[in-house]
Amino acid sequence: MSLEELREEIETIDREIVEKIAQRTYVADTIAQVKSERGLPTTDEQQEQAVMERAGDNAEQFDVDANLVKAVFRLLIELNKVEQRENR
């Protein structure tokens, strides 16, 4: 593959990553609505821990640095928590 083709592949992957972040955010917003309707707290530390463990496991499965993947997921979780608080 040429350098240009490889860069185009990266561009496609980047777009897909952003699409998945948008999908995740939408589902997290829906979860926030359900929590609000049920009077549940915004933060669920047990669920956050489960997400982090899954992220680490998935990273290992795909031979990616688990600490890096967990850092990305920490950012995603914080983003969702902020949005959930703002929408309450």
PDB file of N, CA and C in Angstrom:
ATOM      1  N   MET A   1       0.842  -1.185   0.000  1.00  0.00           N
ATOM      2  CA  MET A   1       0.000   0.000   0.000  1.00  0.00           C
ATOM      3  C   MET A   1       0.887   1.249   0.000  1.00  0.00           C
ATOM      4  N   SER A   2       0.386   2.258  -0.659  1.00  0.00           N
ATOM      5  CA  SER A   2       1.132   3.516  -0.691  1.00  0.00           C
ATOM      6  C   SER A   2       0.896   4.302   0.593  1.00  0.00           C
ATOM      7  N   LEU A   3       1.724   5.295   0.825  1.00  0.00           N
ATOM      8  CA  LEU A   3       1.566   6.162   1.991  1.00  0.00           C
ATOM      9  C   LEU A   3       0.194   6.837   1.966  1.00  0.00           C
ATOM     10  N   GLU A   4      -0.213   7.286   0.809  1.00  0.00           N
ATOM     11  CA  GLU A   4      -1.521   7.947   0.674  1.00  0.00           C
ATOM     12  C   GLU A   4      -2.668   6.990   0.998  1.00  0.00           C
ATOM     13  N   GLU A   5      -2.558   5.769   0.542  1.00  0.00           N
ATOM     14  CA  GLU A   5      -3.597   4.768   0.836  1.00  0.00           C
ATOM     15  C   GLU A   5      -3.650   4.469   2.333  1.00  0.00           C
ATOM     16  N   LEU A   6      -2.501   4.369   2.948  1.00  0.00           N
ATOM     17  CA  LEU A   6      -2.458   4.126   4.392  1.00  0.00           C
ATOM     18  C   LEU A   6      -3.069   5.288   5.155  1.00  0.00           C
ATOM     19  N   ARG A   7      -2.787   6.505   4.729  1.00  0.00           N
ATOM     20  CA  ARG A   7      -3.366   7.678   5.382  1.00  0.00           C
ATOM     21  C   ARG A   7      -4.882   7.725   5.193  1.00  0.00           C
ATOM     22  N   GLU A   8      -5.343   7.304   4.034  1.00  0.00           N
ATOM     23  CA  GLU A   8      -6.789   7.243   3.808  1.00  0.00           C
ATOM     24  C   GLU A   8      -7.431   6.207   4.717  1.00  0.00           C
ATOM     25  N   GLU A   9      -6.739   5.101   4.935  1.00  0.00           N
ATOM     26  CA  GLU A   9      -7.254   4.073   5.842  1.00  0.00           C
ATOM     27  C   GLU A   9      -7.339   4.615   7.273  1.00  0.00           C
ATOM     28  N   ILE A  10      -6.306   5.349   7.691  1.00  0.00           N
ATOM     29  CA  ILE A  10      -6.328   5.975   9.022  1.00  0.00           C
ATOM     30  C   ILE A  10      -7.505   6.953   9.117  1.00  0.00           C
ATOM     31  N   GLU A  11      -7.726   7.727   8.066  1.00  0.00           N
ATOM     32  CA  GLU A  11      -8.840   8.683   8.057  1.00  0.00           C
ATOM     33  C   GLU A  11     -10.184   7.971   8.228  1.00  0.00           C
ATOM     34  N   THR A  12     -10.343   6.857   7.554  1.00  0.00           N
ATOM     35  CA  THR A  12     -11.573   6.074   7.679  1.00  0.00           C
ATOM     36  C   THR A  12     -11.730   5.530   9.093  1.00  0.00           C
ATOM     37  N   ILE A  13     -10.663   5.001   9.642  1.00  0.00           N
ATOM     38  CA  ILE A  13     -10.697   4.469  11.010  1.00  0.00           C
ATOM     39  C   ILE A  13     -11.026   5.581  11.998  1.00  0.00           C
ATOM     40  N   ASP A  14     -10.420   6.759  11.847  1.00  0.00           N
ATOM     41  CA  ASP A  14     -10.690   7.887  12.739  1.00  0.00           C
ATOM     42  C   ASP A  14     -12.169   8.261  12.701  1.00  0.00           C
ATOM     43  N   ARG A  15     -12.744   8.284  11.500  1.00  0.00           N
ATOM     44  CA  ARG A  15     -14.171   8.604  11.357  1.00  0.00           C
ATOM     45  C   ARG A  15     -15.019   7.559  12.088  1.00  0.00           C
ATOM     46  N   GLU A  16     -14.648   6.294  11.955  1.00  0.00           N
ATOM     47  CA  GLU A  16     -15.378   5.216  12.621  1.00  0.00           C
ATOM     48  C   GLU A  16     -15.275   5.328  14.145  1.00  0.00           C
ATOM     49  N   ILE A  17     -14.109   5.730  14.632  1.00  0.00           N
ATOM     50  CA  ILE A  17     -13.935   5.917  16.079  1.00  0.00           C
ATOM     51  C   ILE A  17     -14.870   7.017  16.577  1.00  0.00           C
ATOM     52  N   VAL A  18     -14.920   8.122  15.861  1.00  0.00           N
ATOM     53  CA  VAL A  18     -15.795   9.224  16.259  1.00  0.00           C
ATOM     54  C   VAL A  18     -17.259   8.783  16.209  1.00  0.00           C
ATOM     55  N   GLU A  19     -17.615   8.004  15.192  1.00  0.00           N
ATOM     56  CA  GLU A  19     -18.993   7.493  15.099  1.00  0.00           C
ATOM     57  C   GLU A  19     -19.320   6.625  16.314  1.00  0.00           C
ATOM     58  N   LYS A  20     -18.404   5.780  16.716  1.00  0.00           N
ATOM     59  CA  LYS A  20     -18.628   4.917  17.885  1.00  0.00           C
ATOM     60  C   LYS A  20     -18.721   5.739  19.172  1.00  0.00           C
ATOM     61  N   ILE A  21     -17.927   6.791  19.288  1.00  0.00           N
ATOM     62  CA  ILE A  21     -18.025   7.670  20.451  1.00  0.00           C
ATOM     63  C   ILE A  21     -19.402   8.326  20.481  1.00  0.00           C
ATOM     64  N   ALA A  22     -19.887   8.756  19.327  1.00  0.00           N
ATOM     65  CA  ALA A  22     -21.216   9.368  19.256  1.00  0.00           C
ATOM     66  C   ALA A  22     -22.291   8.355  19.651  1.00  0.00           C
ATOM     67  N   GLN A  23     -22.176   7.129  19.177  1.00  0.00           N
ATOM     68  CA  GLN A  23     -23.135   6.089  19.544  1.00  0.00           C
ATOM     69  C   GLN A  23     -23.101   5.819  21.048  1.00  0.00           C
ATOM     70  N   ARG A  24     -21.906   5.747  21.593  1.00  0.00           N
ATOM     71  CA  ARG A  24     -21.760   5.490  23.030  1.00  0.00           C
ATOM     72  C   ARG A  24     -22.368   6.627  23.841  1.00  0.00           C
ATOM     73  N   THR A  25     -22.141   7.847  23.396  1.00  0.00           N
ATOM     74  CA  THR A  25     -22.688   9.011  24.082  1.00  0.00           C
ATOM     75  C   THR A  25     -24.207   9.002  24.045  1.00  0.00           C
ATOM     76  N   TYR A  26     -24.780   8.624  22.918  1.00  0.00           N
ATOM     77  CA  TYR A  26     -26.234   8.541  22.804  1.00  0.00           C
ATOM     78  C   TYR A  26     -26.794   7.520  23.796  1.00  0.00           C
ATOM     79  N   VAL A  27     -26.177   6.350  23.863  1.00  0.00           N
ATOM     80  CA  VAL A  27     -26.645   5.318  24.790  1.00  0.00           C
ATOM     81  C   VAL A  27     -26.468   5.793  26.229  1.00  0.00           C
ATOM     82  N   ALA A  28     -25.358   6.442  26.528  1.00  0.00           N
ATOM     83  CA  ALA A  28     -25.132   6.962  27.882  1.00  0.00           C
ATOM     84  C   ALA A  28     -26.176   8.011  28.240  1.00  0.00           C
ATOM     85  N   ASP A  29     -26.571   8.846  27.279  1.00  0.00           N
ATOM     86  CA  ASP A  29     -27.627   9.830  27.529  1.00  0.00           C
ATOM     87  C   ASP A  29     -28.952   9.135  27.828  1.00  0.00           C
ATOM     88  N   THR A  30     -29.226   8.052  27.130  1.00  0.00           N
ATOM     89  CA  THR A  30     -30.440   7.281  27.377  1.00  0.00           C
ATOM     90  C   THR A  30     -30.394   6.660  28.771  1.00  0.00           C
ATOM     91  N   ILE A  31     -29.239   6.163  29.158  1.00  0.00           N
ATOM     92  CA  ILE A  31     -29.071   5.623  30.512  1.00  0.00           C
ATOM     93  C   ILE A  31     -29.331   6.715  31.542  1.00  0.00           C
ATOM     94  N   ALA A  32     -28.848   7.909  31.279  1.00  0.00           N
ATOM     95  CA  ALA A  32     -29.064   9.027  32.198  1.00  0.00           C
ATOM     96  C   ALA A  32     -30.548   9.317  32.357  1.00  0.00           C
ATOM     97  N   GLN A  33     -31.299   9.227  31.271  1.00  0.00           N
ATOM     98  CA  GLN A  33     -32.747   9.446  31.356  1.00  0.00           C
ATOM     99  C   GLN A  33     -33.410   8.393  32.228  1.00  0.00           C
ATOM    100  N   VAL A  34     -33.013   7.147  32.056  1.00  0.00           N
ATOM    101  CA  VAL A  34     -33.563   6.054  32.856  1.00  0.00           C
ATOM    102  C   VAL A  34     -33.201   6.255  34.326  1.00  0.00           C
ATOM    103  N   LYS A  35     -31.944   6.626  34.595  1.00  0.00           N
ATOM    104  CA  LYS A  35     -31.528   6.880  35.981  1.00  0.00           C
ATOM    105  C   LYS A  35     -32.356   7.994  36.588  1.00  0.00           C
ATOM    106  N   SER A  36     -32.583   9.044  35.836  1.00  0.00           N
ATOM    107  CA  SER A  36     -33.359  10.178  36.322  1.00  0.00           C
ATOM    108  C   SER A  36     -34.792   9.754  36.633  1.00  0.00           C
ATOM    109  N   GLU A  37     -35.399   8.998  35.730  1.00  0.00           N
ATOM    110  CA  GLU A  37     -36.772   8.527  35.928  1.00  0.00           C
ATOM    111  C   GLU A  37     -36.889   7.640  37.166  1.00  0.00           C
ATOM    112  N   ARG A  38     -35.847   6.900  37.455  1.00  0.00           N
ATOM    113  CA  ARG A  38     -35.869   5.958  38.582  1.00  0.00           C
ATOM    114  C   ARG A  38     -35.270   6.549  39.854  1.00  0.00           C
ATOM    115  N   GLY A  39     -34.837   7.796  39.782  1.00  0.00           N
ATOM    116  CA  GLY A  39     -34.252   8.447  40.947  1.00  0.00           C
ATOM    117  C   GLY A  39     -32.908   7.882  41.353  1.00  0.00           C
ATOM    118  N   LEU A  40     -32.176   7.346  40.397  1.00  0.00           N
ATOM    119  CA  LEU A  40     -30.868   6.757  40.684  1.00  0.00           C
ATOM    120  C   LEU A  40     -29.771   7.805  40.562  1.00  0.00           C
ATOM    121  N   PRO A  41     -28.678   7.626  41.285  1.00  0.00           N
ATOM    122  CA  PRO A  41     -27.566   8.584  41.188  1.00  0.00           C
ATOM    123  C   PRO A  41     -26.893   8.518  39.825  1.00  0.00           C
ATOM    124  N   THR A  42     -26.272   9.624  39.453  1.00  0.00           N
ATOM    125  CA  THR A  42     -25.560   9.706  38.175  1.00  0.00           C
ATOM    126  C   THR A  42     -24.384   8.746  38.150  1.00  0.00           C
ATOM    127  N   THR A  43     -23.640   8.682  39.232  1.00  0.00           N
ATOM    128  CA  THR A  43     -22.426   7.877  39.291  1.00  0.00           C
ATOM    129  C   THR A  43     -22.722   6.478  39.811  1.00  0.00           C
ATOM    130  N   ASP A  44     -22.180   5.482  39.129  1.00  0.00           N
ATOM    131  CA  ASP A  44     -22.283   4.082  39.541  1.00  0.00           C
ATOM    132  C   ASP A  44     -20.870   3.509  39.487  1.00  0.00           C
ATOM    133  N   GLU A  45     -20.179   3.585  40.616  1.00  0.00           N
ATOM    134  CA  GLU A  45     -18.769   3.190  40.650  1.00  0.00           C
ATOM    135  C   GLU A  45     -18.555   1.727  40.287  1.00  0.00           C
ATOM    136  N   GLN A  46     -19.495   0.875  40.663  1.00  0.00           N
ATOM    137  CA  GLN A  46     -19.367  -0.549  40.325  1.00  0.00           C
ATOM    138  C   GLN A  46     -19.418  -0.729  38.805  1.00  0.00           C
ATOM    139  N   GLN A  47     -20.327  -0.024  38.141  1.00  0.00           N
ATOM    140  CA  GLN A  47     -20.421  -0.106  36.685  1.00  0.00           C
ATOM    141  C   GLN A  47     -19.177   0.482  36.022  1.00  0.00           C
ATOM    142  N   GLU A  48     -18.691   1.593  36.551  1.00  0.00           N
ATOM    143  CA  GLU A  48     -17.475   2.203  36.002  1.00  0.00           C
ATOM    144  C   GLU A  48     -16.300   1.228  36.093  1.00  0.00           C
ATOM    145  N   GLN A  49     -16.203   0.542  37.206  1.00  0.00           N
ATOM    146  CA  GLN A  49     -15.124  -0.443  37.379  1.00  0.00           C
ATOM    147  C   GLN A  49     -15.261  -1.569  36.364  1.00  0.00           C
ATOM    148  N   ALA A  50     -16.495  -2.023  36.132  1.00  0.00           N
ATOM    149  CA  ALA A  50     -16.727  -3.085  35.154  1.00  0.00           C
ATOM    150  C   ALA A  50     -16.326  -2.622  33.753  1.00  0.00           C
ATOM    151  N   VAL A  51     -16.640  -1.371  33.423  1.00  0.00           N
ATOM    152  CA  VAL A  51     -16.260  -0.815  32.120  1.00  0.00           C
ATOM    153  C   VAL A  51     -14.740  -0.800  31.982  1.00  0.00           C
ATOM    154  N   MET A  52     -14.051  -0.369  33.030  1.00  0.00           N
ATOM    155  CA  MET A  52     -12.592  -0.297  32.984  1.00  0.00           C
ATOM    156  C   MET A  52     -11.967  -1.686  32.850  1.00  0.00           C
ATOM    157  N   GLU A  53     -12.527  -2.659  33.544  1.00  0.00           N
ATOM    158  CA  GLU A  53     -12.009  -4.019  33.437  1.00  0.00           C
ATOM    159  C   GLU A  53     -12.209  -4.565  32.028  1.00  0.00           C
ATOM    160  N   ARG A  54     -13.401  -4.314  31.457  1.00  0.00           N
ATOM    161  CA  ARG A  54     -13.661  -4.751  30.079  1.00  0.00           C
ATOM    162  C   ARG A  54     -12.699  -4.072  29.107  1.00  0.00           C
ATOM    163  N   ALA A  55     -12.462  -2.790  29.320  1.00  0.00           N
ATOM    164  CA  ALA A  55     -11.541  -2.050  28.443  1.00  0.00           C
ATOM    165  C   ALA A  55     -10.156  -2.674  28.491  1.00  0.00           C
ATOM    166  N   GLY A  56      -9.685  -2.991  29.691  1.00  0.00           N
ATOM    167  CA  GLY A  56      -8.377  -3.625  29.831  1.00  0.00           C
ATOM    168  C   GLY A  56      -8.331  -4.999  29.178  1.00  0.00           C
ATOM    169  N   ASP A  57      -9.391  -5.774  29.378  1.00  0.00           N
ATOM    170  CA  ASP A  57      -9.459  -7.102  28.767  1.00  0.00           C
ATOM    171  C   ASP A  57      -9.464  -7.001  27.244  1.00  0.00           C
ATOM    172  N   ASN A  58     -10.249  -6.075  26.713  1.00  0.00           N
ATOM    173  CA  ASN A  58     -10.305  -5.891  25.258  1.00  0.00           C
ATOM    174  C   ASN A  58      -8.961  -5.433  24.712  1.00  0.00           C
ATOM    175  N   ALA A  59      -8.300  -4.566  25.441  1.00  0.00           N
ATOM    176  CA  ALA A  59      -6.982  -4.097  25.011  1.00  0.00           C
ATOM    177  C   ALA A  59      -6.014  -5.266  24.902  1.00  0.00           C
ATOM    178  N   GLU A  60      -6.022  -6.118  25.911  1.00  0.00           N
ATOM    179  CA  GLU A  60      -5.127  -7.273  25.895  1.00  0.00           C
ATOM    180  C   GLU A  60      -5.467  -8.214  24.738  1.00  0.00           C
ATOM    181  N   GLN A  61      -6.750  -8.388  24.474  1.00  0.00           N
ATOM    182  CA  GLN A  61      -7.183  -9.269  23.391  1.00  0.00           C
ATOM    183  C   GLN A  61      -6.646  -8.784  22.045  1.00  0.00           C
ATOM    184  N   PHE A  62      -6.607  -7.459  21.871  1.00  0.00           N
ATOM    185  CA  PHE A  62      -6.153  -6.888  20.605  1.00  0.00           C
ATOM    186  C   PHE A  62      -4.702  -6.419  20.653  1.00  0.00           C
ATOM    187  N   ASP A  63      -3.999  -6.797  21.710  1.00  0.00           N
ATOM    188  CA  ASP A  63      -2.573  -6.478  21.864  1.00  0.00           C
ATOM    189  C   ASP A  63      -2.312  -4.967  21.781  1.00  0.00           C
ATOM    190  N   VAL A  64      -3.129  -4.231  22.539  1.00  0.00           N
ATOM    191  CA  VAL A  64      -2.987  -2.775  22.638  1.00  0.00           C
ATOM    192  C   VAL A  64      -2.657  -2.464  24.092  1.00  0.00           C
ATOM    193  N   ASP A  65      -1.907  -1.412  24.327  1.00  0.00           N
ATOM    194  CA  ASP A  65      -1.527  -1.025  25.685  1.00  0.00           C
ATOM    195  C   ASP A  65      -2.781  -0.793  26.536  1.00  0.00           C
ATOM    196  N   ALA A  66      -2.961  -1.612  27.572  1.00  0.00           N
ATOM    197  CA  ALA A  66      -4.156  -1.540  28.408  1.00  0.00           C
ATOM    198  C   ALA A  66      -4.250  -0.212  29.145  1.00  0.00           C
ATOM    199  N   ASN A  67      -3.121   0.333  29.576  1.00  0.00           N
ATOM    200  CA  ASN A  67      -3.161   1.621  30.279  1.00  0.00           C
ATOM    201  C   ASN A  67      -3.647   2.748  29.368  1.00  0.00           C
ATOM    202  N   LEU A  68      -3.224   2.716  28.128  1.00  0.00           N
ATOM    203  CA  LEU A  68      -3.669   3.719  27.167  1.00  0.00           C
ATOM    204  C   LEU A  68      -5.168   3.594  26.917  1.00  0.00           C
ATOM    205  N   VAL A  69      -5.644   2.378  26.712  1.00  0.00           N
ATOM    206  CA  VAL A  69      -7.066   2.156  26.469  1.00  0.00           C
ATOM    207  C   VAL A  69      -7.884   2.580  27.685  1.00  0.00           C
ATOM    208  N   LYS A  70      -7.428   2.245  28.867  1.00  0.00           N
ATOM    209  CA  LYS A  70      -8.142   2.634  30.081  1.00  0.00           C
ATOM    210  C   LYS A  70      -8.177   4.154  30.231  1.00  0.00           C
ATOM    211  N   ALA A  71      -7.118   4.828  29.850  1.00  0.00           N
ATOM    212  CA  ALA A  71      -7.105   6.295  29.909  1.00  0.00           C
ATOM    213  C   ALA A  71      -8.167   6.878  28.983  1.00  0.00           C
ATOM    214  N   VAL A  72      -8.292   6.307  27.803  1.00  0.00           N
ATOM    215  CA  VAL A  72      -9.326   6.763  26.866  1.00  0.00           C
ATOM    216  C   VAL A  72     -10.714   6.528  27.467  1.00  0.00           C
ATOM    217  N   PHE A  73     -10.904   5.376  28.064  1.00  0.00           N
ATOM    218  CA  PHE A  73     -12.210   5.081  28.650  1.00  0.00           C
ATOM    219  C   PHE A  73     -12.507   5.953  29.866  1.00  0.00           C
ATOM    220  N   ARG A  74     -11.486   6.314  30.634  1.00  0.00           N
ATOM    221  CA  ARG A  74     -11.706   7.249  31.740  1.00  0.00           C
ATOM    222  C   ARG A  74     -12.243   8.573  31.208  1.00  0.00           C
ATOM    223  N   LEU A  75     -11.668   9.034  30.101  1.00  0.00           N
ATOM    224  CA  LEU A  75     -12.143  10.273  29.478  1.00  0.00           C
ATOM    225  C   LEU A  75     -13.588  10.131  28.999  1.00  0.00           C
ATOM    226  N   LEU A  76     -13.912   9.012  28.382  1.00  0.00           N
ATOM    227  CA  LEU A  76     -15.279   8.793  27.910  1.00  0.00           C
ATOM    228  C   LEU A  76     -16.270   8.761  29.073  1.00  0.00           C
ATOM    229  N   ILE A  77     -15.903   8.089  30.137  1.00  0.00           N
ATOM    230  CA  ILE A  77     -16.772   8.018  31.313  1.00  0.00           C
ATOM    231  C   ILE A  77     -16.985   9.402  31.897  1.00  0.00           C
ATOM    232  N   GLU A  78     -15.913  10.170  32.035  1.00  0.00           N
ATOM    233  CA  GLU A  78     -16.039  11.524  32.584  1.00  0.00           C
ATOM    234  C   GLU A  78     -16.903  12.404  31.693  1.00  0.00           C
ATOM    235  N   LEU A  79     -16.729  12.292  30.392  1.00  0.00           N
ATOM    236  CA  LEU A  79     -17.560  13.043  29.451  1.00  0.00           C
ATOM    237  C   LEU A  79     -19.030  12.705  29.657  1.00  0.00           C
ATOM    238  N   ASN A  80     -19.337  11.426  29.759  1.00  0.00           N
ATOM    239  CA  ASN A  80     -20.720  11.007  29.945  1.00  0.00           C
ATOM    240  C   ASN A  80     -21.282  11.454  31.284  1.00  0.00           C
ATOM    241  N   LYS A  81     -20.473  11.414  32.336  1.00  0.00           N
ATOM    242  CA  LYS A  81     -20.936  11.861  33.646  1.00  0.00           C
ATOM    243  C   LYS A  81     -21.256  13.346  33.647  1.00  0.00           C
ATOM    244  N   VAL A  82     -20.401  14.120  33.022  1.00  0.00           N
ATOM    245  CA  VAL A  82     -20.643  15.571  32.936  1.00  0.00           C
ATOM    246  C   VAL A  82     -21.939  15.833  32.180  1.00  0.00           C
ATOM    247  N   GLU A  83     -22.127  15.167  31.054  1.00  0.00           N
ATOM    248  CA  GLU A  83     -23.348  15.374  30.282  1.00  0.00           C
ATOM    249  C   GLU A  83     -24.577  14.918  31.055  1.00  0.00           C
ATOM    250  N   GLN A  84     -24.463  13.809  31.793  1.00  0.00           N
ATOM    251  CA  GLN A  84     -25.594  13.341  32.579  1.00  0.00           C
ATOM    252  C   GLN A  84     -25.978  14.344  33.656  1.00  0.00           C
ATOM    253  N   ARG A  85     -24.976  14.932  34.308  1.00  0.00           N
ATOM    254  CA  ARG A  85     -25.261  15.927  35.350  1.00  0.00           C
ATOM    255  C   ARG A  85     -25.903  17.172  34.752  1.00  0.00           C
ATOM    256  N   GLU A  86     -25.432  17.576  33.589  1.00  0.00           N
ATOM    257  CA  GLU A  86     -25.969  18.779  32.950  1.00  0.00           C
ATOM    258  C   GLU A  86     -27.401  18.593  32.485  1.00  0.00           C
ATOM    259  N   ASN A  87     -27.747  17.372  32.132  1.00  0.00           N
ATOM    260  CA  ASN A  87     -29.093  17.104  31.611  1.00  0.00           C
ATOM    261  C   ASN A  87     -30.106  16.786  32.697  1.00  0.00           C
ATOM    262  N   ARG A  88     -29.686  16.724  33.939  1.00  0.00           N
ATOM    263  CA  ARG A  88     -30.630  16.414  35.037  1.00  0.00           C
ATOM    264  C   ARG A  88     -31.367  17.641  35.473  1.00  0.00           C
TER     265      ARG A  88
END
